[in-house]
Amino acid sequence: MLKRMGQNKKILEGVNTRYFFQSKYDYYKKFNTWVIILSALASVTYFVSDCQLFGRMAWETLLPRTFILFPMFVFIFLNRKISDYRVMVVLSYLIIHGIMWCTIWAIYYLPIKQHANEGFIIMHLMFFAVGFCAPFKYGTIAHCLVITNIILSNTFNHYESFDMMLTLGIPCVVAICAVQYVMEQVYTDQFLTRRQLEKALTLDYLTKAYNRNKLKDICDEAGSKLLVAEKETYILVVDIDFFKCVNDTYGHDGGDKALVYLVETIKSCIRTTDYVIRWGGEEFIVILQNCPGEKARFIAENIRKKVQEGEGAFCPITVSVGVSRYDGKDYHTAITQADEALYTAKKNGRNQVVCFWEEQQTV
């Protein structure tokens, strides 16, 4: 188990921490939402036990018991608007702490306080449930504050079993924090497995470039707008010249090696934030984020030159490249424009770069 944890930690070093914890929150979001709602509603029902202790309608505790409903409705509203785990996890813990302080507020009026210990044990369970979607560090800090709440509230509630609360509560906090740490490691296994499956679905087996499925990850729900586009974004369409001749001369194995070499060359010319996608056959599209037009043209020309030089290539090949600007709307339009520029490059003799906007100026 410890060895696996160490292996997972090494693998996660290459993963964005925020992405990992956002994924964890998204996975448990629905569960967390119901934990908050049911915990708040359950705390209201404790008004019944208050009435039993008073032997009458406990009007004194009605406000403390129902006050939590207001933060609960605020949580429900924000839960629909905000998806950032850093906001919603903190808000979730604040709601649970709010339930605890509303309980402490109600206890202040109770004639008998000996049952407070049982109530605080239930609080530990609420914190444990919220911990499913929270980073371990968040959960540890939030849970340790439970003991702080008990100590502070004892200054005015004067619990009859205060020593017992600490004796039972502190080991409970330690045990739950330890369990939450293990739970995070278990989710890490699931997270890494899912990433491997996603990678297999979006990666071209031969060239290790992305396939068309990757576009579903980087587009909006309508499947037309690129969510990864920042400022100026350009799209290249790269196509191997006379690829049929390559296959006829060197066989399909040689053609496969040419495709692999092309992708390796493209990757050596772009940044890690850019995307290489196998569009079909020997055609690839490259998405250049936050890239001025002149730089996009330079990258395209650099790809063409490196392929032509053919260092480490299985066979001599050349490529034609079409370049277009993505306007932030339907990316298919940009690809169509890059295709038109590519067609012009092919028509004018191949092994060259043509930019769509330059072509339009000559029409």
Protein backbone atom coordinates (compact mmCIF):
# COMPACT_ATOMS: atom_id res chain seq x y z
CA MET A 1 0.00 0.00 0.00
CA LEU A 2 2.77 2.44 1.01
CA LYS A 3 4.77 1.50 -2.09
CA ARG A 4 1.75 2.20 -4.31
CA MET A 5 1.21 5.55 -2.61
CA GLY A 6 4.80 6.48 -3.39
CA GLN A 7 4.37 5.46 -7.03
CA ASN A 8 1.16 7.48 -7.33
CA LYS A 9 2.88 10.52 -5.83
CA LYS A 10 5.62 10.35 -8.45
CA ILE A 11 3.10 10.03 -11.29
CA LEU A 12 1.05 12.95 -9.94
CA GLU A 13 4.13 15.19 -9.94
CA GLY A 14 3.52 15.63 -13.66
CA VAL A 15 -0.17 16.47 -13.14
CA ASN A 16 -1.52 19.92 -12.35
CA THR A 17 -2.53 19.81 -8.65
CA ARG A 18 -5.53 22.05 -9.23
CA TYR A 19 -6.72 19.77 -12.04
CA PHE A 20 -6.44 16.72 -9.76
CA PHE A 21 -8.43 18.24 -6.87
CA GLN A 22 -10.98 19.75 -9.25
CA SER A 23 -11.49 16.28 -10.70
CA LYS A 24 -11.95 14.87 -7.20
CA TYR A 25 -14.49 17.54 -6.31
CA ASP A 26 -16.40 17.08 -9.58
CA TYR A 27 -16.58 13.33 -8.97
CA TYR A 28 -18.07 13.74 -5.47
CA LYS A 29 -19.95 17.01 -6.09
CA LYS A 30 -23.43 15.48 -6.12
CA PHE A 31 -22.68 13.45 -2.99
CA ASN A 32 -21.28 16.55 -1.26
CA THR A 33 -24.33 18.62 -2.19
CA TRP A 34 -26.70 16.12 -0.61
CA VAL A 35 -24.46 15.83 2.47
CA ILE A 36 -24.77 19.58 3.05
CA ILE A 37 -28.54 19.67 2.44
CA LEU A 38 -29.36 16.60 4.54
CA SER A 39 -26.99 17.68 7.35
CA ALA A 40 -28.66 21.09 7.55
CA LEU A 41 -32.16 19.61 7.49
CA ALA A 42 -31.23 16.95 10.05
CA SER A 43 -29.89 19.63 12.43
CA VAL A 44 -33.27 21.40 12.26
CA THR A 45 -35.02 18.21 13.42
CA TYR A 46 -33.06 18.36 16.67
CA PHE A 47 -35.67 20.89 17.73
CA VAL A 48 -37.83 17.88 18.56
CA SER A 49 -35.27 16.62 21.09
CA ASP A 50 -35.05 20.13 22.53
CA CYS A 51 -38.78 20.04 23.17
CA GLN A 52 -38.37 16.67 24.89
CA LEU A 53 -35.67 18.09 27.20
CA PHE A 54 -37.80 21.14 28.05
CA GLY A 55 -40.97 19.12 28.36
CA ARG A 56 -42.71 21.81 26.30
CA MET A 57 -42.35 23.76 23.03
CA ALA A 58 -38.70 24.91 23.11
CA TRP A 59 -39.20 28.39 21.65
CA GLU A 60 -35.74 29.38 22.91
CA THR A 61 -33.98 27.04 20.46
CA LEU A 62 -36.26 27.54 17.45
CA LEU A 63 -34.10 30.29 15.91
CA PRO A 64 -30.75 28.54 16.53
CA ARG A 65 -32.09 25.31 15.03
CA THR A 66 -33.59 26.90 11.91
CA PHE A 67 -30.99 29.61 11.30
CA ILE A 68 -28.82 27.21 9.27
CA LEU A 69 -31.48 27.04 6.57
CA PHE A 70 -30.46 30.45 5.24
CA PRO A 71 -26.78 29.46 4.61
CA MET A 72 -28.05 26.18 3.15
CA PHE A 73 -30.12 28.00 0.49
CA VAL A 74 -27.14 30.26 -0.25
CA PHE A 75 -25.02 27.14 -0.74
CA ILE A 76 -27.59 25.59 -3.09
CA PHE A 77 -27.66 28.79 -5.17
CA LEU A 78 -23.87 29.13 -5.38
CA ASN A 79 -23.48 25.43 -6.06
CA ARG A 80 -25.25 25.94 -9.38
CA LYS A 81 -23.12 28.95 -10.30
CA ILE A 82 -19.63 28.06 -9.07
CA SER A 83 -17.69 24.89 -9.87
CA ASP A 84 -14.26 25.84 -8.48
CA TYR A 85 -13.43 23.33 -5.73
CA ARG A 86 -11.39 25.96 -3.84
CA VAL A 87 -14.55 27.97 -3.28
CA MET A 88 -17.12 25.21 -2.85
CA VAL A 89 -15.07 22.98 -0.54
CA VAL A 90 -14.38 25.91 1.80
CA LEU A 91 -18.06 26.88 1.65
CA SER A 92 -19.07 23.28 2.44
CA TYR A 93 -16.90 23.24 5.54
CA LEU A 94 -18.24 26.64 6.58
CA ILE A 95 -21.78 25.26 6.39
CA ILE A 96 -20.84 22.29 8.59
CA HIS A 97 -19.11 24.62 11.04
CA GLY A 98 -22.27 26.75 10.89
CA ILE A 99 -24.35 23.71 11.83
CA MET A 100 -22.01 23.11 14.74
CA TRP A 101 -22.25 26.69 16.01
CA CYS A 102 -26.03 26.69 15.63
CA THR A 103 -26.03 23.53 17.75
CA ILE A 104 -23.76 25.20 20.31
CA TRP A 105 -26.14 28.19 20.28
CA ALA A 106 -29.12 25.89 20.97
CA ILE A 107 -27.25 23.99 23.69
CA TYR A 108 -26.77 27.29 25.55
CA TYR A 109 -30.53 27.37 26.25
CA LEU A 110 -30.96 23.68 27.11
CA PRO A 111 -31.65 22.84 30.77
CA ILE A 112 -29.61 19.63 30.43
CA LYS A 113 -26.31 19.64 28.46
CA GLN A 114 -25.17 16.08 29.08
CA HIS A 115 -26.23 14.97 25.56
CA ALA A 116 -23.97 17.52 23.84
CA ASN A 117 -21.23 14.91 23.46
CA GLU A 118 -23.45 12.70 21.28
CA GLY A 119 -24.28 15.73 19.12
CA PHE A 120 -20.60 16.52 18.55
CA ILE A 121 -19.87 12.92 17.57
CA ILE A 122 -22.49 13.33 14.83
CA MET A 123 -20.63 16.50 13.76
CA HIS A 124 -17.50 14.41 13.19
CA LEU A 125 -19.48 12.24 10.78
CA MET A 126 -20.59 15.33 8.84
CA PHE A 127 -16.98 16.51 8.51
CA PHE A 128 -15.98 13.01 7.44
CA ALA A 129 -18.63 13.02 4.68
CA VAL A 130 -17.55 16.41 3.31
CA GLY A 131 -13.96 15.15 3.28
CA PHE A 132 -14.76 12.88 0.34
CA CYS A 133 -14.58 15.82 -2.09
CA ALA A 134 -11.98 17.91 -0.26
CA PRO A 135 -8.18 17.98 -0.49
CA PHE A 136 -6.63 16.27 2.53
CA LYS A 137 -5.08 19.55 3.75
CA TYR A 138 -8.43 21.35 3.66
CA GLY A 139 -10.09 18.52 5.56
CA THR A 140 -7.39 18.34 8.22
CA ILE A 141 -7.57 22.06 8.98
CA ALA A 142 -11.37 22.14 8.99
CA HIS A 143 -11.65 19.04 11.18
CA CYS A 144 -9.11 20.20 13.73
CA LEU A 145 -11.23 23.31 14.23
CA VAL A 146 -13.97 21.04 15.64
CA ILE A 147 -11.92 20.66 18.82
CA THR A 148 -11.34 24.42 18.85
CA ASN A 149 -15.11 24.97 18.61
CA ILE A 150 -15.71 22.66 21.58
CA ILE A 151 -13.06 24.36 23.72
CA LEU A 152 -14.33 27.87 22.92
CA SER A 153 -17.98 26.97 23.46
CA ASN A 154 -17.18 25.39 26.82
CA THR A 155 -16.31 28.85 28.15
CA PHE A 156 -20.00 29.75 28.20
CA ASN A 157 -21.83 26.42 27.91
CA HIS A 158 -19.85 24.69 30.67
CA TYR A 159 -20.40 21.14 29.42
CA GLU A 160 -21.01 18.54 32.09
CA SER A 161 -18.80 16.04 30.23
CA PHE A 162 -16.16 18.40 28.75
CA ASP A 163 -13.24 16.08 29.56
CA MET A 164 -15.03 13.18 27.90
CA MET A 165 -15.71 15.32 24.81
CA LEU A 166 -11.97 15.90 24.37
CA THR A 167 -11.07 12.31 25.25
CA LEU A 168 -13.39 10.97 22.57
CA GLY A 169 -13.15 13.87 20.13
CA ILE A 170 -9.37 14.14 19.63
CA PRO A 171 -8.84 10.45 18.66
CA CYS A 172 -11.91 10.75 16.43
CA VAL A 173 -10.34 13.72 14.57
CA VAL A 174 -7.02 11.89 14.17
CA ALA A 175 -8.70 8.71 12.93
CA ILE A 176 -10.94 10.51 10.43
CA CYS A 177 -8.03 12.58 9.06
CA ALA A 178 -6.05 9.36 8.59
CA VAL A 179 -8.97 7.73 6.79
CA GLN A 180 -9.37 10.79 4.56
CA TYR A 181 -5.68 10.56 3.61
CA VAL A 182 -6.17 6.93 2.59
CA MET A 183 -9.36 7.86 0.71
CA GLU A 184 -7.40 10.46 -1.26
CA GLN A 185 -4.86 7.79 -2.24
CA VAL A 186 -7.69 5.49 -3.33
CA TYR A 187 -9.13 8.26 -5.49
CA THR A 188 -5.64 8.81 -6.92
CA ASP A 189 -5.68 5.24 -8.25
CA GLN A 190 -9.05 5.86 -9.88
CA PHE A 191 -7.93 9.24 -11.24
CA LEU A 192 -4.81 7.80 -12.86
CA THR A 193 -6.74 4.86 -14.33
CA ARG A 194 -9.33 7.23 -15.80
CA ARG A 195 -6.58 9.44 -17.24
CA GLN A 196 -5.00 6.42 -18.92
CA LEU A 197 -8.36 5.49 -20.46
CA GLU A 198 -8.98 9.07 -21.58
CA LYS A 199 -5.50 9.17 -23.06
CA ALA A 200 -6.15 5.94 -24.94
CA LEU A 201 -9.40 7.35 -26.33
CA THR A 202 -7.88 10.65 -27.45
CA LEU A 203 -4.45 9.48 -28.63
CA ASP A 204 -3.61 8.18 -32.09
CA TYR A 205 -2.04 4.77 -31.48
CA LEU A 206 0.52 5.05 -34.29
CA THR A 207 1.80 8.63 -34.15
CA LYS A 208 1.04 9.51 -30.49
CA ALA A 209 -0.62 12.71 -31.72
CA TYR A 210 -4.14 13.40 -30.50
CA ASN A 211 -7.03 12.06 -32.55
CA ARG A 212 -10.33 13.85 -33.28
CA ASN A 213 -11.79 12.75 -29.93
CA LYS A 214 -9.50 15.27 -28.24
CA LEU A 215 -11.59 18.08 -29.71
CA LYS A 216 -14.47 17.03 -27.43
CA ASP A 217 -12.27 17.84 -24.44
CA ILE A 218 -11.18 21.26 -25.65
CA CYS A 219 -14.49 22.45 -27.14
CA ASP A 220 -17.71 23.76 -25.67
CA GLU A 221 -20.82 21.59 -25.37
CA ALA A 222 -21.94 22.61 -28.85
CA GLY A 223 -18.68 21.23 -30.22
CA SER A 224 -17.76 24.34 -32.20
CA LYS A 225 -15.90 26.79 -29.96
CA LEU A 226 -12.38 26.04 -28.74
CA LEU A 227 -12.23 26.60 -24.98
CA VAL A 228 -8.43 26.50 -24.96
CA ALA A 229 -8.09 29.48 -27.33
CA GLU A 230 -6.28 32.38 -25.69
CA LYS A 231 -5.91 35.78 -27.36
CA GLU A 232 -4.62 35.11 -30.87
CA THR A 233 -4.96 31.48 -31.92
CA TYR A 234 -3.88 30.02 -35.24
CA ILE A 235 -4.56 26.68 -36.88
CA LEU A 236 -2.17 24.87 -39.21
CA VAL A 237 -3.15 22.05 -41.54
CA VAL A 238 -0.07 19.97 -42.37
CA ASP A 239 -0.14 17.38 -45.15
CA ILE A 240 2.59 15.08 -46.50
CA ASP A 241 3.22 15.65 -50.20
CA PHE A 242 2.74 12.65 -52.50
CA PHE A 243 2.09 10.34 -49.55
CA LYS A 244 0.72 7.65 -51.87
CA CYS A 245 4.13 7.51 -53.57
CA VAL A 246 5.75 7.03 -50.16
CA ASN A 247 3.51 4.04 -49.49
CA ASP A 248 4.06 2.63 -52.99
CA THR A 249 7.84 3.00 -52.77
CA TYR A 250 8.54 2.06 -49.14
CA GLY A 251 5.42 0.06 -48.25
CA HIS A 252 2.86 0.86 -45.60
CA ASP A 253 5.45 0.28 -42.88
CA GLY A 254 7.55 3.02 -44.44
CA GLY A 255 4.49 5.26 -44.65
CA ASP A 256 3.81 4.68 -40.95
CA LYS A 257 7.39 5.63 -40.09
CA ALA A 258 7.02 8.81 -42.15
CA LEU A 259 3.88 9.75 -40.19
CA VAL A 260 5.62 9.13 -36.85
CA TYR A 261 8.59 11.21 -37.99
CA LEU A 262 6.31 14.06 -39.04
CA VAL A 263 4.56 14.20 -35.66
CA GLU A 264 7.89 14.12 -33.82
CA THR A 265 9.11 16.99 -35.99
CA ILE A 266 5.95 19.04 -35.41
CA LYS A 267 6.19 18.53 -31.64
CA SER A 268 9.82 19.70 -31.70
CA CYS A 269 8.71 22.98 -33.31
CA ILE A 270 5.75 23.85 -31.05
CA ARG A 271 5.15 24.46 -27.36
CA THR A 272 3.69 22.06 -24.79
CA THR A 273 0.55 24.22 -24.65
CA ASP A 274 -0.16 23.64 -28.34
CA TYR A 275 -2.04 20.68 -29.82
CA VAL A 276 -1.21 18.25 -32.64
CA ILE A 277 -4.24 16.32 -33.89
CA ARG A 278 -4.33 13.66 -36.58
CA TRP A 279 -7.15 14.90 -38.76
CA GLY A 280 -7.15 11.98 -41.16
CA GLY A 281 -4.65 9.85 -43.10
CA GLU A 282 -1.50 11.90 -43.59
CA GLU A 283 -3.17 15.21 -42.60
CA PHE A 284 -2.64 16.85 -39.21
CA ILE A 285 -3.94 20.03 -37.64
CA VAL A 286 -1.92 22.09 -35.16
CA ILE A 287 -3.60 24.51 -32.74
CA LEU A 288 -1.26 27.33 -31.69
CA GLN A 289 -2.55 29.17 -28.61
CA ASN A 290 -1.65 32.77 -27.74
CA CYS A 291 0.44 33.06 -30.88
CA PRO A 292 0.80 36.15 -33.13
CA GLY A 293 0.31 35.68 -36.86
CA GLU A 294 3.96 36.16 -37.78
CA LYS A 295 5.05 33.63 -35.18
CA ALA A 296 2.46 31.15 -36.46
CA ARG A 297 3.86 31.57 -39.96
CA PHE A 298 7.41 31.14 -38.62
CA ILE A 299 6.44 27.90 -36.82
CA ALA A 300 4.78 26.56 -39.96
CA GLU A 301 7.85 27.40 -42.04
CA ASN A 302 10.13 25.82 -39.41
CA ILE A 303 8.09 22.59 -39.56
CA ARG A 304 8.35 22.55 -43.36
CA LYS A 305 12.14 23.12 -43.34
CA LYS A 306 12.84 20.49 -40.68
CA VAL A 307 10.77 17.88 -42.52
CA GLN A 308 12.55 18.68 -45.77
CA GLU A 309 15.98 18.40 -44.11
CA GLY A 310 14.84 14.99 -42.93
CA GLU A 311 17.33 14.39 -40.11
CA GLY A 312 16.51 10.93 -38.74
CA ALA A 313 13.75 10.37 -41.30
CA PHE A 314 13.12 6.88 -42.71
CA CYS A 315 12.69 8.33 -46.21
CA PRO A 316 12.76 11.78 -47.82
CA ILE A 317 9.44 13.59 -47.56
CA THR A 318 8.13 17.15 -47.76
CA VAL A 319 4.99 18.79 -46.43
CA SER A 320 2.63 21.56 -47.43
CA VAL A 321 1.10 23.75 -44.73
CA GLY A 322 -2.02 25.92 -44.68
CA VAL A 323 -2.36 28.56 -41.93
CA SER A 324 -5.48 30.37 -40.75
CA ARG A 325 -6.53 32.55 -37.83
CA TYR A 326 -9.16 31.28 -35.40
CA ASP A 327 -11.66 34.05 -34.61
CA GLY A 328 -13.00 32.50 -31.41
CA LYS A 329 -16.21 31.19 -32.98
CA ASP A 330 -16.61 27.96 -34.97
CA TYR A 331 -13.21 26.28 -35.32
CA HIS A 332 -14.45 24.37 -38.38
CA THR A 333 -14.37 27.66 -40.29
CA ALA A 334 -10.70 28.14 -39.41
CA ILE A 335 -9.89 24.58 -40.50
CA THR A 336 -11.75 25.10 -43.78
CA GLN A 337 -9.74 28.27 -44.39
CA ALA A 338 -6.48 26.49 -43.55
CA ASP A 339 -7.54 23.70 -45.93
CA GLU A 340 -8.06 26.26 -48.69
CA ALA A 341 -4.59 27.66 -48.05
CA LEU A 342 -3.21 24.11 -48.10
CA TYR A 343 -4.91 23.47 -51.43
CA THR A 344 -3.24 26.58 -52.82
CA ALA A 345 0.14 25.34 -51.56
CA LYS A 346 -0.44 21.99 -53.29
CA LYS A 347 -1.58 23.67 -56.49
CA ASN A 348 1.46 25.97 -56.55
CA GLY A 349 3.99 23.14 -56.37
CA ARG A 350 3.85 21.75 -52.78
CA ASN A 351 6.58 21.93 -50.10
CA GLN A 352 5.51 25.42 -49.05
CA VAL A 353 3.51 27.41 -46.49
CA VAL A 354 0.47 29.44 -47.47
CA CYS A 355 -1.45 31.70 -45.07
CA PHE A 356 -5.15 32.14 -45.72
CA TRP A 357 -5.14 35.89 -45.08
CA GLU A 358 -2.29 36.39 -47.57
CA GLU A 359 -4.13 34.32 -50.16
CA GLN A 360 -7.22 36.47 -49.72
CA GLN A 361 -5.22 39.62 -50.38
CA THR A 362 -4.09 38.27 -53.75
CA VAL A 363 -7.63 37.36 -54.88
